[in-house]
Protein backbone atom coordinates (compact mmCIF):
# COMPACT_ATOMS: atom_id res chain seq x y z
CA MET A 1 33.75 -70.49 69.58
CA THR A 2 36.42 -67.97 68.22
CA SER A 3 39.67 -69.64 68.85
CA ARG A 4 38.62 -73.20 68.71
CA ASN A 5 37.47 -75.20 65.89
CA PHE A 6 34.73 -77.53 66.42
CA PRO A 7 34.22 -79.52 63.18
CA ARG A 8 31.88 -82.16 64.78
CA MET A 9 29.49 -79.58 66.36
CA ALA A 10 29.84 -78.04 62.68
CA ALA A 11 28.16 -80.38 60.73
CA LEU A 12 26.16 -82.27 63.31
CA LEU A 13 24.83 -79.67 65.62
CA ALA A 14 24.16 -76.79 63.82
CA CYS A 15 21.02 -76.92 62.30
CA PRO A 16 19.34 -78.70 65.52
CA LEU A 17 20.94 -76.11 67.90
CA LEU A 18 20.18 -73.22 65.57
CA ALA A 19 16.82 -74.44 65.34
CA VAL A 20 16.40 -74.42 69.03
CA ALA A 21 18.17 -71.39 69.00
CA MET A 22 16.30 -68.95 67.09
CA PRO A 23 13.09 -67.62 68.38
CA LEU A 24 9.62 -68.41 66.52
CA SER A 25 6.09 -66.77 66.45
CA ALA A 26 3.46 -68.27 67.86
CA GLU A 27 2.08 -69.52 64.84
CA GLU A 28 5.46 -70.90 63.76
CA THR A 29 6.34 -72.24 66.74
CA PRO A 30 6.52 -75.89 66.94
CA GLY A 31 5.41 -79.04 69.28
CA PRO A 32 7.74 -81.33 70.56
CA PRO A 33 8.56 -84.33 67.95
CA THR A 34 6.35 -87.19 68.38
CA LEU A 35 7.68 -90.51 68.44
CA GLN A 36 5.89 -92.28 65.50
CA ALA A 37 4.93 -96.06 66.54
CA GLY A 38 6.76 -98.79 64.52
CA HIS A 39 9.52 -96.83 63.30
CA LEU A 40 13.08 -98.03 63.47
CA TYR A 41 15.13 -95.04 64.59
CA THR A 42 18.68 -94.50 63.27
CA LEU A 43 21.33 -93.38 65.58
CA GLU A 44 21.34 -90.28 63.50
CA GLU A 45 17.69 -89.48 63.72
CA LEU A 46 17.92 -90.05 67.78
CA GLU A 47 21.06 -87.60 68.17
CA LYS A 48 18.73 -85.07 66.19
CA ILE A 49 15.93 -85.38 68.44
CA GLY A 50 17.99 -85.34 71.43
CA LEU A 51 19.56 -81.84 70.63
CA ALA A 52 16.38 -80.50 69.94
CA ASN A 53 14.80 -81.63 73.14
CA GLN A 54 17.06 -82.03 75.66
CA PRO A 55 16.51 -79.75 78.66
CA ARG A 56 20.04 -79.35 79.17
CA ILE A 57 20.82 -78.37 75.26
CA LYS A 58 18.34 -75.63 75.64
CA ALA A 59 19.68 -74.37 79.08
CA SER A 60 23.10 -74.09 77.90
CA ILE A 61 21.65 -72.20 74.61
CA GLU A 62 19.99 -69.49 77.11
CA ALA A 63 23.14 -69.50 79.12
CA THR A 64 24.64 -68.62 75.83
CA ARG A 65 22.64 -65.92 75.21
CA ALA A 66 22.75 -64.22 78.34
CA ALA A 67 26.53 -64.16 77.89
CA LYS A 68 25.62 -62.35 74.43
CA GLU A 69 23.72 -59.64 76.57
CA ARG A 70 26.78 -59.51 78.96
CA LYS A 71 28.88 -58.81 76.30
CA GLY A 72 26.46 -55.95 75.13
CA GLU A 73 26.52 -54.70 78.74
CA ALA A 74 30.02 -54.40 78.42
CA PHE A 75 30.10 -52.56 75.46
CA ALA A 76 27.60 -49.85 76.68
CA PRO A 77 30.09 -47.67 78.32
CA TYR A 78 31.48 -46.65 75.07
CA LEU A 79 28.47 -44.92 74.36
CA PRO A 80 27.49 -41.32 76.36
CA THR A 81 24.77 -41.59 78.97
CA VAL A 82 21.88 -39.16 78.51
CA ASN A 83 19.15 -38.60 81.36
CA ALA A 84 16.60 -36.01 82.11
CA TYR A 85 15.20 -35.13 85.28
CA ALA A 86 11.96 -33.26 86.21
CA GLU A 87 11.83 -32.59 89.83
CA TYR A 88 8.43 -30.36 91.97
CA VAL A 89 8.92 -29.21 95.21
CA ARG A 90 7.07 -27.24 97.86
CA ALA A 91 9.27 -25.88 100.74
CA THR A 92 9.21 -22.84 103.29
CA TYR A 93 11.75 -19.91 102.44
CA ASN A 94 13.04 -18.67 105.54
CA ASN A 95 16.15 -17.11 105.69
CA SER A 96 18.44 -20.27 105.95
CA VAL A 97 20.34 -21.53 103.19
CA SER A 98 19.59 -24.90 102.45
CA THR A 99 19.91 -27.46 99.32
CA PHE A 100 16.18 -28.82 98.54
CA LEU A 101 16.30 -30.11 94.95
CA SER A 102 17.73 -33.40 94.19
CA VAL A 103 18.78 -33.57 90.56
CA PRO A 104 22.14 -34.99 90.15
CA TRP A 105 24.89 -32.64 89.59
CA PHE A 106 22.68 -29.42 90.64
CA PRO A 107 21.62 -29.06 93.90
CA SER A 108 19.81 -25.50 93.99
CA ILE A 109 19.24 -23.78 97.30
CA GLY A 110 16.50 -21.84 98.61
CA GLY A 111 16.21 -19.52 101.63
CA TYR A 112 13.69 -16.81 101.83
CA SER A 113 12.39 -14.17 104.30
CA SER A 114 9.39 -11.78 104.82
CA VAL A 115 10.37 -8.41 104.65
CA ASP A 116 7.55 -6.06 105.21
CA GLY A 117 5.06 -8.98 104.35
CA THR A 118 6.94 -9.24 101.18
CA ARG A 119 9.39 -12.04 100.64
CA VAL A 120 12.40 -11.60 99.02
CA PRO A 121 15.50 -13.99 98.59
CA ALA A 122 17.91 -14.63 101.45
CA GLY A 123 20.82 -13.12 99.54
CA GLN A 124 18.81 -9.96 99.27
CA LEU A 125 17.93 -9.22 102.98
CA SER A 126 21.44 -7.06 103.43
CA GLY A 127 20.66 -4.38 105.63
CA PHE A 128 17.12 -6.01 107.07
CA GLN A 129 16.36 -6.78 110.18
CA GLU A 130 15.98 -10.54 110.26
CA PRO A 131 12.58 -11.45 110.01
CA PRO A 132 9.90 -13.33 111.97
CA LEU A 133 10.04 -17.14 111.18
CA SER A 134 7.30 -18.36 108.61
CA TRP A 135 5.94 -21.49 107.84
CA GLY A 136 4.54 -20.69 104.59
CA SER A 137 5.55 -22.36 101.77
CA ASN A 138 5.71 -21.90 98.12
CA ASP A 139 5.74 -24.20 94.60
CA SER A 140 9.64 -24.40 92.94
CA TYR A 141 10.66 -26.95 89.87
CA THR A 142 13.68 -27.76 88.04
CA GLY A 143 13.70 -29.35 84.62
CA ALA A 144 17.16 -30.58 83.62
CA VAL A 145 18.94 -32.54 80.68
CA VAL A 146 22.67 -34.21 81.45
CA ALA A 147 24.69 -35.93 79.39
CA GLN A 148 27.92 -37.60 80.57
CA TYR A 149 30.41 -39.26 79.11
CA ASP A 150 33.98 -40.88 79.72
CA ILE A 151 36.50 -39.17 78.06
CA TYR A 152 39.53 -41.75 79.18
CA ASP A 153 39.65 -44.55 81.64
CA PHE A 154 42.58 -45.83 81.47
CA GLY A 155 41.62 -49.40 80.22
CA ARG A 156 38.18 -49.95 82.39
CA ARG A 157 35.75 -50.46 79.14
CA ALA A 158 38.37 -52.17 76.66
CA ASN A 159 39.27 -54.49 79.79
CA GLY A 160 35.38 -55.43 80.49
CA LEU A 161 34.47 -55.68 77.05
CA ARG A 162 37.42 -58.51 76.93
CA VAL A 163 36.05 -60.01 80.04
CA ALA A 164 32.23 -60.10 78.57
CA GLU A 165 33.79 -61.33 75.13
CA ALA A 166 35.87 -64.15 76.84
CA GLY A 167 32.85 -65.18 79.00
CA LEU A 168 30.49 -65.66 75.80
CA ASP A 169 33.79 -67.90 74.02
CA ALA A 170 33.47 -69.89 77.50
CA ALA A 171 29.71 -69.94 77.31
CA THR A 172 29.45 -70.98 73.42
CA ALA A 173 32.40 -73.84 74.07
CA ASP A 174 30.17 -74.93 77.34
CA GLN A 175 26.82 -75.35 74.78
CA SER A 176 29.61 -77.79 73.07
CA VAL A 177 30.38 -79.59 75.49
CA VAL A 178 26.56 -80.17 76.97
CA ALA A 179 25.91 -81.02 73.25
CA GLU A 180 28.78 -83.88 73.50
CA ALA A 181 27.59 -85.57 76.88
CA VAL A 182 24.10 -85.47 75.88
CA LEU A 183 25.44 -87.46 72.24
CA TYR A 184 27.28 -89.74 74.17
CA GLN A 185 24.63 -90.09 76.61
CA ILE A 186 22.89 -91.11 73.56
CA ARG A 187 24.68 -93.47 71.84
CA SER A 188 25.51 -95.62 74.82
CA ALA A 189 21.25 -95.83 75.55
CA TYR A 190 21.08 -96.83 72.26
CA TYR A 191 23.80 -99.48 72.10
CA GLY A 192 22.53 -101.02 75.49
CA LEU A 193 18.98 -101.07 73.57
CA LEU A 194 20.37 -102.94 70.53
CA ALA A 195 21.88 -105.18 73.05
CA GLY A 196 19.00 -105.96 75.18
CA LYS A 197 17.00 -106.53 72.18
CA ALA A 198 19.49 -108.93 70.97
CA LEU A 199 19.84 -110.71 74.51
CA ASN A 200 15.86 -111.04 74.02
CA VAL A 201 16.35 -112.93 70.89
CA THR A 202 18.51 -114.94 72.41
CA ALA A 203 16.58 -115.86 75.33
CA GLU A 204 13.68 -116.79 72.97
CA LYS A 205 15.76 -119.11 70.88
CA MET A 206 17.14 -120.62 74.46
CA LEU A 207 13.67 -121.12 76.02
CA ALA A 208 12.70 -122.80 72.10
CA GLU A 209 15.64 -124.89 72.60
CA ALA A 210 14.79 -125.96 76.23
CA LYS A 211 11.36 -126.65 75.24
CA GLU A 212 12.41 -129.01 72.19
CA HIS A 213 14.69 -130.96 74.44
CA PHE A 214 12.26 -131.33 76.91
CA THR A 215 10.33 -132.85 74.10
CA TRP A 216 12.87 -134.87 73.48
CA ALA A 217 13.53 -136.10 77.36
CA HIS A 218 9.56 -136.53 77.42
CA GLU A 219 9.18 -139.06 74.59
CA ALA A 220 12.39 -140.75 75.39
CA VAL A 221 11.43 -141.46 79.37
CA LYS A 222 7.57 -142.96 77.62
CA ASP A 223 9.46 -145.24 75.67
CA GLY A 224 11.63 -146.30 78.18
CA LEU A 225 14.70 -145.09 76.70
CA ARG A 226 15.96 -142.76 79.10
CA PRO A 227 15.27 -142.43 83.19
CA PRO A 228 13.01 -140.10 84.34
CA VAL A 229 15.58 -137.82 85.75
CA ASP A 230 15.92 -136.86 82.51
CA GLU A 231 12.69 -135.27 81.66
CA LEU A 232 12.84 -133.44 85.56
CA GLN A 233 15.99 -131.89 84.25
CA ALA A 234 15.08 -131.09 81.15
CA LYS A 235 11.89 -129.07 82.72
CA ALA A 236 13.84 -127.49 85.28
CA ASP A 237 16.05 -126.30 82.12
CA VAL A 238 12.79 -125.03 80.67
CA THR A 239 11.72 -123.03 83.80
CA LYS A 240 15.51 -121.43 84.07
CA ALA A 241 15.03 -120.64 80.49
CA GLU A 242 11.67 -118.34 80.90
CA LEU A 243 13.18 -116.58 83.82
CA GLN A 244 15.98 -115.69 81.60
CA LEU A 245 13.18 -114.62 78.87
CA VAL A 246 11.60 -112.24 81.76
CA ARG A 247 14.90 -110.65 82.49
CA ALA A 248 15.53 -109.95 78.84
CA VAL A 249 12.28 -108.23 78.31
CA ALA A 250 12.95 -106.73 81.51
CA GLU A 251 16.30 -105.29 80.03
CA VAL A 252 14.58 -104.16 76.82
CA ARG A 253 12.20 -102.13 78.58
CA ILE A 254 14.85 -100.37 80.59
CA GLY A 255 17.11 -99.69 77.67
CA ARG A 256 13.70 -98.03 76.00
CA VAL A 257 13.55 -96.08 79.47
CA ARG A 258 17.02 -94.93 79.20
CA LEU A 259 16.77 -94.04 75.87
CA LEU A 260 13.79 -91.62 76.11
CA GLU A 261 15.54 -89.90 79.05
CA ALA A 262 18.50 -89.63 76.69
CA ILE A 263 16.99 -88.01 73.98
CA GLY A 264 14.39 -85.81 76.49
CA GLU A 265 11.24 -87.66 75.52
CA GLU A 266 8.34 -88.09 77.78
CA HIS A 267 6.36 -90.53 75.82
CA GLY A 268 7.09 -93.13 73.68
CA ARG A 269 7.55 -96.24 75.64
CA HIS A 270 7.12 -98.60 72.38
CA ILE A 271 10.63 -96.67 70.46
CA ASP A 272 12.41 -99.13 68.62
CA VAL A 273 15.41 -98.78 66.94
CA ALA A 274 17.79 -99.75 63.80
CA PRO A 275 20.64 -101.81 64.46
CA ARG A 276 24.23 -100.48 63.41
CA GLU A 277 27.33 -102.45 62.93
CA VAL A 278 30.17 -101.27 64.72
CA PRO A 279 33.16 -100.06 62.55
CA ALA A 280 36.04 -102.86 62.90
CA ASP A 281 39.07 -100.90 63.32
CA ILE A 282 40.46 -97.34 63.72
CA PRO A 283 43.01 -95.79 60.98
CA GLN A 284 44.42 -92.99 62.97
CA THR A 285 46.94 -93.66 65.90
CA GLU A 286 46.67 -92.88 69.46
CA GLU A 287 48.99 -89.37 68.79
CA ALA A 288 47.03 -88.78 66.22
CA LEU A 289 43.78 -89.14 68.09
CA LEU A 290 45.71 -87.16 71.32
CA ASP A 291 46.23 -84.40 68.41
CA LEU A 292 42.22 -83.83 67.34
CA ALA A 293 41.56 -84.26 70.94
CA TYR A 294 43.67 -80.89 71.78
CA HIS A 295 42.30 -79.46 68.65
CA GLN A 296 38.48 -79.89 69.45
CA ARG A 297 37.75 -80.50 72.77
CA PRO A 298 35.23 -77.88 73.49
CA ASP A 299 35.83 -78.34 77.25
CA TYR A 300 39.59 -77.13 76.58
CA ALA A 301 38.60 -74.07 74.82
CA GLU A 302 36.19 -73.37 77.36
CA LEU A 303 39.27 -73.33 80.24
CA GLU A 304 41.23 -71.62 77.48
CA ALA A 305 38.16 -69.11 77.14
CA ARG A 306 37.87 -68.69 81.28
CA ARG A 307 41.79 -68.10 81.18
CA ARG A 308 41.24 -64.94 79.22
CA GLN A 309 38.58 -63.89 80.89
CA SER A 310 40.38 -64.31 84.05
CA ASP A 311 43.45 -62.24 82.45
CA ALA A 312 41.24 -59.36 81.04
CA THR A 313 39.15 -59.15 84.50
CA VAL A 314 43.05 -58.69 86.64
CA ALA A 315 43.76 -55.79 83.64
CA GLU A 316 40.25 -54.62 84.53
CA VAL A 317 40.66 -54.61 88.36
CA ASN A 318 44.00 -52.80 88.11
CA SER A 319 42.61 -50.18 85.97
CA GLU A 320 41.31 -48.87 89.34
CA PHE A 321 44.43 -47.67 90.70
CA LEU A 322 44.51 -45.08 88.09
CA PRO A 323 42.69 -41.80 87.72
CA ARG A 324 39.71 -41.13 85.23
CA LEU A 325 38.76 -38.45 83.31
CA TRP A 326 34.71 -37.60 81.67
CA GLY A 327 33.14 -34.72 80.71
CA GLN A 328 29.96 -33.49 81.27
CA ALA A 329 26.93 -31.43 79.45
CA SER A 330 23.90 -30.24 80.73
CA ILE A 331 20.92 -27.53 80.03
CA GLU A 332 18.40 -26.71 82.75
CA VAL A 333 15.44 -24.64 83.65
CA THR A 334 14.69 -23.84 87.18
CA GLY A 335 11.71 -21.97 88.83
CA VAL A 336 9.45 -21.00 91.43
CA ASP A 337 5.87 -19.51 92.53
CA PRO A 338 6.00 -16.68 89.94
CA GLY A 339 4.42 -14.51 92.67
CA LEU A 340 7.69 -14.09 94.77
CA PRO A 341 9.78 -11.22 93.79
CA THR A 342 13.14 -13.62 93.15
CA SER A 343 16.02 -13.61 90.78
CA ILE A 344 15.44 -17.10 90.02
CA SER A 345 13.77 -17.12 86.23
CA ALA A 346 12.69 -19.58 83.84
CA VAL A 347 15.24 -19.12 81.33
CA PRO A 348 17.23 -22.08 80.46
CA ASP A 349 20.92 -22.40 81.68
CA TRP A 350 23.78 -24.20 79.83
CA ASP A 351 27.04 -25.72 81.15
CA ILE A 352 29.75 -28.18 79.85
CA GLY A 353 32.62 -29.70 81.63
CA ALA A 354 35.24 -32.37 82.49
CA VAL A 355 35.84 -34.15 85.30
CA LEU A 356 39.20 -35.79 86.52
CA ALA A 357 38.76 -38.30 89.81
CA ILE A 358 42.21 -39.87 91.01
CA PRO A 359 41.70 -42.46 93.46
CA ILE A 360 43.66 -42.01 96.74
CA PHE A 361 42.95 -44.44 99.64
CA GLU A 362 39.76 -46.77 99.33
CA GLY A 363 40.71 -49.27 102.35
CA TYR A 364 42.62 -51.33 100.44
CA LEU A 365 39.22 -52.44 98.22
CA THR A 366 41.21 -52.51 94.88
CA THR A 367 44.42 -54.23 96.36
CA HIS A 368 42.49 -56.71 97.80
CA GLN A 369 40.23 -57.26 94.47
CA ALA A 370 43.56 -57.21 92.31
CA ARG A 371 44.70 -60.15 94.34
CA GLU A 372 41.46 -62.53 94.26
CA ALA A 373 41.72 -61.94 90.15
CA GLN A 374 45.23 -62.88 90.04
CA ALA A 375 44.66 -65.85 92.38
CA LYS A 376 41.62 -66.87 90.03
CA LEU A 377 44.01 -66.49 87.15
CA SER A 378 46.42 -69.05 88.57
CA GLU A 379 43.29 -71.17 89.03
CA VAL A 380 42.17 -71.38 85.98
CA VAL A 381 46.11 -71.81 84.54
CA GLN A 382 46.18 -75.20 86.74
CA GLN A 383 42.91 -76.25 85.83
CA GLN A 384 43.83 -76.41 82.29
CA GLU A 385 47.29 -78.13 83.26
CA GLU A 386 45.17 -81.13 84.92
CA LEU A 387 42.44 -80.82 82.00
CA LYS A 388 45.80 -81.81 79.70
CA LEU A 389 46.46 -85.05 81.63
CA LYS A 390 42.98 -85.93 81.86
CA ILE A 391 42.55 -85.47 78.44
CA ILE A 392 45.60 -87.62 77.68
CA GLU A 393 44.52 -90.55 80.14
CA GLN A 394 40.71 -90.39 78.75
CA VAL A 395 42.08 -90.65 75.11
CA ARG A 396 44.35 -93.53 75.58
CA GLU A 397 42.19 -95.39 77.93
CA ALA A 398 39.18 -95.44 75.16
CA PHE A 399 41.70 -95.96 72.54
CA VAL A 400 42.63 -99.30 74.75
CA ASP A 401 39.33 -100.31 75.38
CA PHE A 402 38.28 -100.08 72.33
CA LYS A 403 41.14 -102.10 70.54
CA SER A 404 40.18 -104.71 73.51
CA ALA A 405 36.46 -104.53 72.51
CA LEU A 406 37.46 -105.10 69.27
CA GLU A 407 39.63 -107.94 69.92
CA ALA A 408 36.85 -109.28 72.42
CA VAL A 409 34.37 -109.45 69.68
CA ALA A 410 36.63 -111.46 67.52
CA ALA A 411 36.83 -113.81 70.46
CA ALA A 412 33.48 -114.48 70.95
CA ASP A 413 32.46 -115.21 67.65
CA ALA A 414 35.04 -117.60 67.94
CA ASN A 415 33.89 -118.81 70.95
CA GLN A 416 30.35 -119.03 70.06
CA GLN A 417 30.97 -120.72 66.46
CA ALA A 418 32.66 -123.68 68.82
CA ALA A 419 29.98 -123.50 71.24
CA GLU A 420 27.20 -124.17 68.44
CA GLU A 421 29.10 -126.94 66.82
CA GLN A 422 29.65 -128.42 70.49
CA LEU A 423 25.83 -128.51 70.86
CA HIS A 424 24.70 -129.87 67.48
CA VAL A 425 27.41 -133.19 68.31
CA VAL A 426 25.83 -133.27 71.83
CA GLU A 427 22.01 -133.34 70.46
CA GLY A 428 23.10 -135.70 67.96
CA ARG A 429 25.03 -137.97 70.51
CA TYR A 430 21.66 -137.65 72.90
CA ASN A 431 19.22 -138.66 70.25
CA ASN A 432 21.27 -141.55 69.11
CA GLY A 433 21.27 -142.43 72.98
CA LEU A 434 24.52 -141.83 73.41
CA GLY A 435 24.52 -138.92 75.78
CA SER A 436 22.61 -138.09 78.68
CA ILE A 437 20.30 -135.33 78.96
CA LEU A 438 23.02 -133.33 81.74
CA ASP A 439 25.58 -133.26 79.05
CA LEU A 440 22.96 -132.04 76.46
CA ILE A 441 21.87 -129.15 78.96
CA ILE A 442 25.47 -127.95 79.68
CA ALA A 443 25.84 -127.73 76.06
CA GLN A 444 22.95 -125.62 75.52
CA ALA A 445 23.90 -123.36 78.40
CA THR A 446 27.43 -123.08 76.97
CA ALA A 447 25.94 -122.62 73.72
CA VAL A 448 23.67 -119.67 75.37
CA SER A 449 26.23 -118.11 77.33
CA ALA A 450 28.47 -117.86 74.23
CA GLU A 451 25.70 -116.24 72.29
CA ASP A 452 25.13 -113.95 75.20
CA GLN A 453 28.95 -113.22 75.40
CA ASP A 454 29.16 -111.89 71.93
CA VAL A 455 25.99 -109.92 71.99
CA ARG A 456 27.08 -107.80 74.82
CA SER A 457 30.80 -107.71 73.41
CA ARG A 458 29.41 -106.50 70.27
CA TYR A 459 27.48 -103.78 71.82
CA GLN A 460 30.03 -103.24 74.46
CA ALA A 461 32.31 -102.38 71.29
CA GLY A 462 30.13 -100.11 70.36
CA ARG A 463 30.05 -98.02 73.57
CA ALA A 464 33.50 -98.14 73.67
CA ARG A 465 33.49 -96.50 70.17
CA ALA A 466 31.13 -93.63 71.66
CA PHE A 467 33.54 -93.15 74.34
CA LEU A 468 36.22 -92.97 72.22
CA ASP A 469 34.61 -90.22 69.97
CA LEU A 470 33.56 -88.32 73.16
CA ALA A 471 37.26 -88.25 74.12
CA ILE A 472 38.09 -86.43 71.26
CA SER A 473 35.24 -84.66 70.38
CA SER A 474 34.75 -85.89 66.89
CA PRO A 475 33.87 -89.09 64.98
CA ILE A 476 36.66 -91.06 63.88
CA GLN A 477 36.90 -90.31 60.14
CA GLN A 478 37.48 -93.70 58.38
């Protein structure tokens, strides 16, 4: 990007994006990365894999390459055009003057008649009687090399190049927009899988405790210390815990599927991730984060490039109201059947000249094109204003969500600690015959629910942080 600076892209995306963008030979072209079984992938490793594998990233790279080529196309009119022409014609040569060669800028005229059995050019028939119509034909040829160059076009080339340059900037910015979206998807899936794994551990713990309580109830009922209903309730609690574990295992599998899709991998069902601590606080203020977003958001830079592109398009279209001056030079050779007594020879001719084209009336085409270009420019300007409001909303909402998520983590930690303490108390009372199985099951359910909330809040904070990073288009510096 020429007008924006994206420090995150420079540090995090440069290497993997460059690796994807640079063409390699058949021997050097690597295959898709193979996920290693049993390896715990960090978030940074997953991001690199995703940036190298995701088809959306590759498509955006190709779009940028296409925009670069359009810039080259826009520069082409600054150079002269040179064309070579060769033409062979077999035609009749009666006493008519007709154009029969189609080399641009050099239409040749023919017309030959027969006088006393001899063919002569039509221009030499003065004083001769009109000859009879003949269907005989002869060969002719033309060869020419033509060079043309726009001397002055009143801004057509310059504005066309501006349009292409702004289009390249927009494509480059869009490439970063796509990369940002991929990174957010990877981070969200990463924290989702971490949460699923933690909930799976919680479900296993819940099942183990439920089985232990069932053992307590079974022994107590067998010894006549508890009514049979205690054993039935404890067994139902074990069944409930087993169902919860099944759901937790399924959530882990779904989390892996989402993560594989996020990094653009088709294989690796058993991919595993390493844990990561969520930052505990944000050192910047909300206003400081807004300022970062304005300077770093690639979608804002893309719209700025689109505005410059539309502005250049307006100027380019308006230049069509003005004249155009170009120069032209050529060298040509024209000849016919040597058996004809003709003045046309195979001696080369050359010419050089200039052409001034002044538009007078084209059915209001340029007028409508200019109005369309101006309307598109106004549309982009309004889109910029809309995006400013969207950035403010997203940054402030993400800031509040992350702050709330951190507060929820603290509250969930305290709630889990209290629930665990309560469960220990109830377990002691039940073992001493002072509490009921129902009290024990309720305390256990409360403890499990508190641990579940603690896990979800912790990794929800991770997702909230990922969204805040996305909103400002850069990891927050601690």
